Amino acid sequence: MPTLIDLSHRLEEGMVTYKGLPAPIMCDFLSREESRGRYSDGEEFAIQRIEMVGNTGTYLDSPFHRYADGADLAELELEQLAHLDALVVRPKLADGMAIVLDDLTELDVTGKAVLLHSGWDRHWRTDAYFENHPFLTETAARWIADQGAALVGIDSHNIDDTRGRARPSHSILLGRGIPICEHMTGLDQLPDRGARFYAVPPKVVAFGTFPVRAFAMLP
């Protein structure tokens, strides 16, 4: 049997994924106690309700996140999201933050899920997670897009440098129709090559981002 490795964070009440965006609100729509009067004796059900922005937890960006005419979540093909050949990149992190072209040029990224392992997930749910985080440089993002990667993922706060207002890596990758999976975790458990990657969101129309249960399958 293949081994499955979970690469996603848990979704929890009150968690902050990105400062300035609201945390999810989770509650009962129908509690077990309230349901008992609706069903036969001994039967009860719970129906939960969640209010959240799409950028919560480990989530996928579709082109619609950046571009009004880009493919939304419902328009992404499963072939873009599932059973992808995974390539785990372990960058040197120039200046402790930047993932640069030299980290990539010896690699064959064509058609692969390029997973950037920075180790930043160790700061998840702490103040340190939001500041001075690893990111993909514009030049490196353009090279990945030119080489025809299928998807790019990162275990950091953002694939772009958030110290400024520009988001070139998002613009380049999503502009080429390459989905982005952010806020991943557990990439240290994967081999550099040989795993298969999955990050499939629901088919939500006119939505650009949504949480995923990202995972890898090892042979």
C-alpha atoms as a PDB file:
ATOM      1  CA  MET A   1       0.000   0.000   0.000  1.00  0.00           C
ATOM      2  CA  PRO A   2       1.293   3.518  -0.751  1.00  0.00           C
ATOM      3  CA  THR A   3       2.095   5.895   2.102  1.00  0.00           C
ATOM      4  CA  LEU A   4       0.063   9.118   2.311  1.00  0.00           C
ATOM      5  CA  ILE A   5       1.650  12.254   3.802  1.00  0.00           C
ATOM      6  CA  ASP A   6      -0.635  15.075   4.952  1.00  0.00           C
ATOM      7  CA  LEU A   7       0.709  18.478   3.877  1.00  0.00           C
ATOM      8  CA  SER A   8      -2.098  20.636   5.287  1.00  0.00           C
ATOM      9  CA  HIS A   9      -2.719  22.639   8.439  1.00  0.00           C
ATOM     10  CA  ARG A  10      -5.846  22.047  10.499  1.00  0.00           C
ATOM     11  CA  LEU A  11      -8.726  24.528  10.211  1.00  0.00           C
ATOM     12  CA  GLU A  12      -9.682  25.768  13.664  1.00  0.00           C
ATOM     13  CA  GLU A  13     -11.955  28.387  15.186  1.00  0.00           C
ATOM     14  CA  GLY A  14     -10.182  31.729  15.544  1.00  0.00           C
ATOM     15  CA  MET A  15      -7.027  30.837  13.597  1.00  0.00           C
ATOM     16  CA  VAL A  16      -5.388  33.681  11.666  1.00  0.00           C
ATOM     17  CA  THR A  17      -3.797  32.679   8.374  1.00  0.00           C
ATOM     18  CA  TYR A  18      -2.990  36.158   7.097  1.00  0.00           C
ATOM     19  CA  LYS A  19      -2.977  39.292   9.245  1.00  0.00           C
ATOM     20  CA  GLY A  20      -5.776  41.632   8.252  1.00  0.00           C
ATOM     21  CA  LEU A  21      -8.057  38.809   7.105  1.00  0.00           C
ATOM     22  CA  PRO A  22     -10.695  37.466   9.495  1.00  0.00           C
ATOM     23  CA  ALA A  23     -10.332  34.167  11.282  1.00  0.00           C
ATOM     24  CA  PRO A  24     -12.935  31.491  10.575  1.00  0.00           C
ATOM     25  CA  ILE A  25     -16.078  31.371  12.695  1.00  0.00           C
ATOM     26  CA  MET A  26     -17.314  27.831  13.355  1.00  0.00           C
ATOM     27  CA  CYS A  27     -20.585  26.934  15.036  1.00  0.00           C
ATOM     28  CA  ASP A  28     -23.559  24.578  14.927  1.00  0.00           C
ATOM     29  CA  PHE A  29     -26.320  25.258  12.445  1.00  0.00           C
ATOM     30  CA  LEU A  30     -28.172  22.306  13.908  1.00  0.00           C
ATOM     31  CA  SER A  31     -26.835  20.881  17.158  1.00  0.00           C
ATOM     32  CA  ARG A  32     -27.173  17.230  18.142  1.00  0.00           C
ATOM     33  CA  GLU A  33     -29.478  18.205  20.977  1.00  0.00           C
ATOM     34  CA  GLU A  34     -31.742  20.241  18.674  1.00  0.00           C
ATOM     35  CA  SER A  35     -31.847  17.450  16.106  1.00  0.00           C
ATOM     36  CA  ARG A  36     -33.240  14.836  18.462  1.00  0.00           C
ATOM     37  CA  GLY A  37     -36.804  16.084  18.037  1.00  0.00           C
ATOM     38  CA  ARG A  38     -36.602  15.766  14.267  1.00  0.00           C
ATOM     39  CA  TYR A  39     -35.632  12.100  13.988  1.00  0.00           C
ATOM     40  CA  SER A  40     -36.537   8.719  15.401  1.00  0.00           C
ATOM     41  CA  ASP A  41     -35.666   7.902  18.988  1.00  0.00           C
ATOM     42  CA  GLY A  42     -31.936   7.352  19.438  1.00  0.00           C
ATOM     43  CA  GLU A  43     -30.998   9.188  16.240  1.00  0.00           C
ATOM     44  CA  GLU A  44     -29.260  12.550  16.221  1.00  0.00           C
ATOM     45  CA  PHE A  45     -27.271  14.546  13.699  1.00  0.00           C
ATOM     46  CA  ALA A  46     -25.062  17.643  13.755  1.00  0.00           C
ATOM     47  CA  ILE A  47     -24.821  20.149  10.937  1.00  0.00           C
ATOM     48  CA  GLN A  48     -22.017  22.660  11.335  1.00  0.00           C
ATOM     49  CA  ARG A  49     -21.634  26.096   9.821  1.00  0.00           C
ATOM     50  CA  ILE A  50     -18.385  27.886   8.953  1.00  0.00           C
ATOM     51  CA  GLU A  51     -17.840  31.487   7.898  1.00  0.00           C
ATOM     52  CA  MET A  52     -14.415  32.180   6.425  1.00  0.00           C
ATOM     53  CA  VAL A  53     -12.491  33.840   3.639  1.00  0.00           C
ATOM     54  CA  GLY A  54     -11.022  31.604   0.953  1.00  0.00           C
ATOM     55  CA  ASN A  55      -7.492  32.388   2.136  1.00  0.00           C
ATOM     56  CA  THR A  56      -7.716  30.237   5.247  1.00  0.00           C
ATOM     57  CA  GLY A  57      -5.342  27.482   6.314  1.00  0.00           C
ATOM     58  CA  THR A  58      -3.590  25.600   3.523  1.00  0.00           C
ATOM     59  CA  TYR A  59      -5.295  26.890   0.400  1.00  0.00           C
ATOM     60  CA  LEU A  60      -5.063  26.931  -3.382  1.00  0.00           C
ATOM     61  CA  ASP A  61      -4.931  30.055  -5.538  1.00  0.00           C
ATOM     62  CA  SER A  62      -6.558  29.792  -8.952  1.00  0.00           C
ATOM     63  CA  PRO A  63      -5.897  32.357 -11.704  1.00  0.00           C
ATOM     64  CA  PHE A  64      -9.198  34.092 -10.816  1.00  0.00           C
ATOM     65  CA  HIS A  65      -7.605  35.131  -7.518  1.00  0.00           C
ATOM     66  CA  ARG A  66      -5.405  37.553  -9.465  1.00  0.00           C
ATOM     67  CA  TYR A  67      -7.174  38.027 -12.798  1.00  0.00           C
ATOM     68  CA  ALA A  68     -10.874  38.743 -13.390  1.00  0.00           C
ATOM     69  CA  ASP A  69     -10.837  36.686 -16.585  1.00  0.00           C
ATOM     70  CA  GLY A  70      -8.727  33.863 -15.135  1.00  0.00           C
ATOM     71  CA  ALA A  71      -9.980  30.356 -14.412  1.00  0.00           C
ATOM     72  CA  ASP A  72     -11.877  30.111 -11.137  1.00  0.00           C
ATOM     73  CA  LEU A  73     -11.841  27.089  -8.831  1.00  0.00           C
ATOM     74  CA  ALA A  74     -14.644  25.391 -10.740  1.00  0.00           C
ATOM     75  CA  GLU A  75     -12.783  25.747 -14.034  1.00  0.00           C
ATOM     76  CA  LEU A  76      -9.551  24.110 -12.908  1.00  0.00           C
ATOM     77  CA  GLU A  77      -9.005  20.649 -14.366  1.00  0.00           C
ATOM     78  CA  LEU A  78      -8.251  17.741 -12.057  1.00  0.00           C
ATOM     79  CA  GLU A  79      -5.142  17.101 -14.132  1.00  0.00           C
ATOM     80  CA  GLN A  80      -3.801  20.432 -12.827  1.00  0.00           C
ATOM     81  CA  LEU A  81      -4.346  19.445  -9.193  1.00  0.00           C
ATOM     82  CA  ALA A  82      -4.095  15.703  -8.685  1.00  0.00           C
ATOM     83  CA  HIS A  83      -1.607  12.868  -9.194  1.00  0.00           C
ATOM     84  CA  LEU A  84       1.110  15.341 -10.136  1.00  0.00           C
ATOM     85  CA  ASP A  85       4.754  14.327 -10.176  1.00  0.00           C
ATOM     86  CA  ALA A  86       6.152  16.168  -7.139  1.00  0.00           C
ATOM     87  CA  LEU A  87       9.533  17.874  -7.118  1.00  0.00           C
ATOM     88  CA  VAL A  88      10.577  19.117  -3.674  1.00  0.00           C
ATOM     89  CA  VAL A  89      13.006  22.043  -3.798  1.00  0.00           C
ATOM     90  CA  ARG A  90      15.104  22.746  -0.713  1.00  0.00           C
ATOM     91  CA  PRO A  91      16.471  26.259  -1.372  1.00  0.00           C
ATOM     92  CA  LYS A  92      19.479  27.842   0.272  1.00  0.00           C
ATOM     93  CA  LEU A  93      17.361  30.930   1.060  1.00  0.00           C
ATOM     94  CA  ALA A  94      19.556  33.843   0.045  1.00  0.00           C
ATOM     95  CA  ASP A  95      19.551  36.441   2.840  1.00  0.00           C
ATOM     96  CA  GLY A  96      17.521  33.925   4.833  1.00  0.00           C
ATOM     97  CA  MET A  97      14.402  34.638   2.768  1.00  0.00           C
ATOM     98  CA  ALA A  98      14.732  34.635  -1.028  1.00  0.00           C
ATOM     99  CA  ILE A  99      14.271  31.555  -3.204  1.00  0.00           C
ATOM    100  CA  VAL A 100      16.346  32.502  -6.234  1.00  0.00           C
ATOM    101  CA  LEU A 101      16.969  31.210  -9.733  1.00  0.00           C
ATOM    102  CA  ASP A 102      20.149  29.393  -8.706  1.00  0.00           C
ATOM    103  CA  ASP A 103      18.036  27.172  -6.438  1.00  0.00           C
ATOM    104  CA  LEU A 104      16.154  25.885  -9.487  1.00  0.00           C
ATOM    105  CA  THR A 105      18.137  25.927 -12.723  1.00  0.00           C
ATOM    106  CA  GLU A 106      19.588  22.412 -12.320  1.00  0.00           C
ATOM    107  CA  LEU A 107      16.100  20.937 -11.900  1.00  0.00           C
ATOM    108  CA  ASP A 108      13.533  19.640 -14.391  1.00  0.00           C
ATOM    109  CA  VAL A 109      10.283  21.291 -13.304  1.00  0.00           C
ATOM    110  CA  THR A 110       8.287  20.766 -16.506  1.00  0.00           C
ATOM    111  CA  GLY A 111       4.846  19.337 -15.794  1.00  0.00           C
ATOM    112  CA  LYS A 112       5.588  18.925 -12.093  1.00  0.00           C
ATOM    113  CA  ALA A 113       4.231  20.202  -8.813  1.00  0.00           C
ATOM    114  CA  VAL A 114       7.172  22.296  -7.619  1.00  0.00           C
ATOM    115  CA  LEU A 115       7.037  22.266  -3.808  1.00  0.00           C
ATOM    116  CA  LEU A 116       9.260  24.840  -2.116  1.00  0.00           C
ATOM    117  CA  HIS A 117      10.416  23.534   1.249  1.00  0.00           C
ATOM    118  CA  SER A 118      11.583  26.452   3.393  1.00  0.00           C
ATOM    119  CA  GLY A 119      10.785  25.009   6.822  1.00  0.00           C
ATOM    120  CA  TRP A 120       8.824  28.149   7.717  1.00  0.00           C
ATOM    121  CA  ASP A 121       5.838  26.040   8.781  1.00  0.00           C
ATOM    122  CA  ARG A 122       7.639  25.621  12.119  1.00  0.00           C
ATOM    123  CA  HIS A 123       6.369  29.144  12.952  1.00  0.00           C
ATOM    124  CA  TRP A 124       2.700  28.383  12.172  1.00  0.00           C
ATOM    125  CA  ARG A 125       0.284  30.063  14.624  1.00  0.00           C
ATOM    126  CA  THR A 126       3.016  32.350  15.999  1.00  0.00           C
ATOM    127  CA  ASP A 127       3.760  36.034  15.361  1.00  0.00           C
ATOM    128  CA  ALA A 128       7.046  35.056  13.697  1.00  0.00           C
ATOM    129  CA  TYR A 129       5.135  33.362  10.877  1.00  0.00           C
ATOM    130  CA  PHE A 130       3.988  36.674   9.419  1.00  0.00           C
ATOM    131  CA  GLU A 131       7.318  38.529   9.289  1.00  0.00           C
ATOM    132  CA  ASN A 132      10.409  38.158   7.083  1.00  0.00           C
ATOM    133  CA  HIS A 133       9.222  34.874   5.616  1.00  0.00           C
ATOM    134  CA  PRO A 134      10.756  32.936   2.693  1.00  0.00           C
ATOM    135  CA  PHE A 135       9.431  33.856  -0.752  1.00  0.00           C
ATOM    136  CA  LEU A 136       9.963  33.134  -4.443  1.00  0.00           C
ATOM    137  CA  THR A 137      11.695  35.904  -6.377  1.00  0.00           C
ATOM    138  CA  GLU A 138      10.230  37.309  -9.569  1.00  0.00           C
ATOM    139  CA  THR A 139      13.086  35.942 -11.710  1.00  0.00           C
ATOM    140  CA  ALA A 140      12.689  32.465 -10.255  1.00  0.00           C
ATOM    141  CA  ALA A 141       8.912  32.537 -10.715  1.00  0.00           C
ATOM    142  CA  ARG A 142       9.304  33.566 -14.349  1.00  0.00           C
ATOM    143  CA  TRP A 143      11.751  30.705 -14.960  1.00  0.00           C
ATOM    144  CA  ILE A 144       9.356  28.191 -13.374  1.00  0.00           C
ATOM    145  CA  ALA A 145       6.538  29.459 -15.568  1.00  0.00           C
ATOM    146  CA  ASP A 146       8.703  29.405 -18.703  1.00  0.00           C
ATOM    147  CA  GLN A 147       9.680  25.805 -17.959  1.00  0.00           C
ATOM    148  CA  GLY A 148       6.021  24.783 -17.787  1.00  0.00           C
ATOM    149  CA  ALA A 149       5.535  23.713 -14.178  1.00  0.00           C
ATOM    150  CA  ALA A 150       2.059  22.366 -13.395  1.00  0.00           C
ATOM    151  CA  LEU A 151       1.655  23.827  -9.897  1.00  0.00           C
ATOM    152  CA  VAL A 152       3.804  25.599  -7.305  1.00  0.00           C
ATOM    153  CA  GLY A 153       3.487  25.158  -3.545  1.00  0.00           C
ATOM    154  CA  ILE A 154       5.259  26.688  -0.563  1.00  0.00           C
ATOM    155  CA  ASP A 155       5.276  26.109   3.213  1.00  0.00           C
ATOM    156  CA  SER A 156       5.534  29.820   3.974  1.00  0.00           C
ATOM    157  CA  HIS A 157       3.273  32.781   4.715  1.00  0.00           C
ATOM    158  CA  ASN A 158       3.191  33.923   1.092  1.00  0.00           C
ATOM    159  CA  ILE A 159       4.890  32.973  -2.150  1.00  0.00           C
ATOM    160  CA  ASP A 160       5.679  36.685  -2.612  1.00  0.00           C
ATOM    161  CA  ASP A 161       7.707  39.079  -0.486  1.00  0.00           C
ATOM    162  CA  THR A 162       5.053  40.857   1.591  1.00  0.00           C
ATOM    163  CA  ARG A 163       7.344  43.680   2.736  1.00  0.00           C
ATOM    164  CA  GLY A 164       6.237  45.606  -0.357  1.00  0.00           C
ATOM    165  CA  ARG A 165       2.983  45.958  -2.260  1.00  0.00           C
ATOM    166  CA  ALA A 166       3.968  44.108  -5.450  1.00  0.00           C
ATOM    167  CA  ARG A 167       3.106  40.426  -5.897  1.00  0.00           C
ATOM    168  CA  PRO A 168       5.138  39.402  -8.983  1.00  0.00           C
ATOM    169  CA  SER A 169       5.221  35.653  -8.323  1.00  0.00           C
ATOM    170  CA  HIS A 170       1.437  35.509  -8.030  1.00  0.00           C
ATOM    171  CA  SER A 171       1.058  37.624 -11.158  1.00  0.00           C
ATOM    172  CA  ILE A 172       3.462  35.520 -13.228  1.00  0.00           C
ATOM    173  CA  LEU A 173       2.348  32.053 -12.158  1.00  0.00           C
ATOM    174  CA  LEU A 174      -1.390  32.695 -12.121  1.00  0.00           C
ATOM    175  CA  GLY A 175      -1.056  34.631 -15.367  1.00  0.00           C
ATOM    176  CA  ARG A 176       0.293  31.434 -16.947  1.00  0.00           C
ATOM    177  CA  GLY A 177      -2.528  29.353 -15.476  1.00  0.00           C
ATOM    178  CA  ILE A 178      -0.318  27.732 -12.819  1.00  0.00           C
ATOM    179  CA  PRO A 179      -2.143  27.212  -9.491  1.00  0.00           C
ATOM    180  CA  ILE A 180      -0.374  28.091  -6.235  1.00  0.00           C
ATOM    181  CA  CYS A 181      -0.711  26.191  -2.946  1.00  0.00           C
ATOM    182  CA  GLU A 182       0.309  28.298   0.068  1.00  0.00           C
ATOM    183  CA  HIS A 183       0.709  27.631   3.808  1.00  0.00           C
ATOM    184  CA  MET A 184       1.745  24.031   3.340  1.00  0.00           C
ATOM    185  CA  THR A 185       3.386  21.915   6.016  1.00  0.00           C
ATOM    186  CA  GLY A 186       5.259  18.642   6.317  1.00  0.00           C
ATOM    187  CA  LEU A 187       7.404  18.946   3.199  1.00  0.00           C
ATOM    188  CA  ASP A 188      10.344  17.671   5.239  1.00  0.00           C
ATOM    189  CA  GLN A 189       8.669  14.244   5.140  1.00  0.00           C
ATOM    190  CA  LEU A 190       8.863  13.983   1.342  1.00  0.00           C
ATOM    191  CA  PRO A 191      11.705  12.784  -0.852  1.00  0.00           C
ATOM    192  CA  ASP A 192      13.066  15.228  -3.408  1.00  0.00           C
ATOM    193  CA  ARG A 193      11.496  13.152  -6.182  1.00  0.00           C
ATOM    194  CA  GLY A 194       9.150  10.248  -6.610  1.00  0.00           C
ATOM    195  CA  ALA A 195       6.020  11.360  -4.714  1.00  0.00           C
ATOM    196  CA  ARG A 196       2.662  12.208  -6.243  1.00  0.00           C
ATOM    197  CA  PHE A 197       0.942  15.412  -5.125  1.00  0.00           C
ATOM    198  CA  TYR A 198      -2.746  16.275  -4.657  1.00  0.00           C
ATOM    199  CA  ALA A 199      -4.391  19.616  -3.753  1.00  0.00           C
ATOM    200  CA  VAL A 200      -8.016  19.650  -4.909  1.00  0.00           C
ATOM    201  CA  PRO A 201     -10.457  22.379  -3.812  1.00  0.00           C
ATOM    202  CA  PRO A 202     -14.250  22.233  -4.261  1.00  0.00           C
ATOM    203  CA  LYS A 203     -15.668  23.411  -7.591  1.00  0.00           C
ATOM    204  CA  VAL A 204     -16.727  26.869  -6.365  1.00  0.00           C
ATOM    205  CA  VAL A 205     -17.849  29.225  -9.125  1.00  0.00           C
ATOM    206  CA  ALA A 206     -16.452  32.798  -9.153  1.00  0.00           C
ATOM    207  CA  PHE A 207     -14.051  32.003  -6.304  1.00  0.00           C
ATOM    208  CA  GLY A 208     -10.299  32.391  -6.549  1.00  0.00           C
ATOM    209  CA  THR A 209      -9.032  30.656  -3.404  1.00  0.00           C
ATOM    210  CA  PHE A 210     -10.159  27.891  -1.078  1.00  0.00           C
ATOM    211  CA  PRO A 211      -8.680  25.554   1.550  1.00  0.00           C
ATOM    212  CA  VAL A 212      -7.441  22.170   0.358  1.00  0.00           C
ATOM    213  CA  ARG A 213      -6.408  18.913   2.021  1.00  0.00           C
ATOM    214  CA  ALA A 214      -3.038  18.820   0.286  1.00  0.00           C
ATOM    215  CA  PHE A 215      -1.220  15.502   0.498  1.00  0.00           C
ATOM    216  CA  ALA A 216       1.425  13.416  -1.177  1.00  0.00           C
ATOM    217  CA  MET A 217       1.466   9.730  -2.044  1.00  0.00           C
ATOM    218  CA  LEU A 218       4.735   7.872  -1.725  1.00  0.00           C
ATOM    219  CA  PRO A 219       5.299   4.702  -3.763  1.00  0.00           C
END
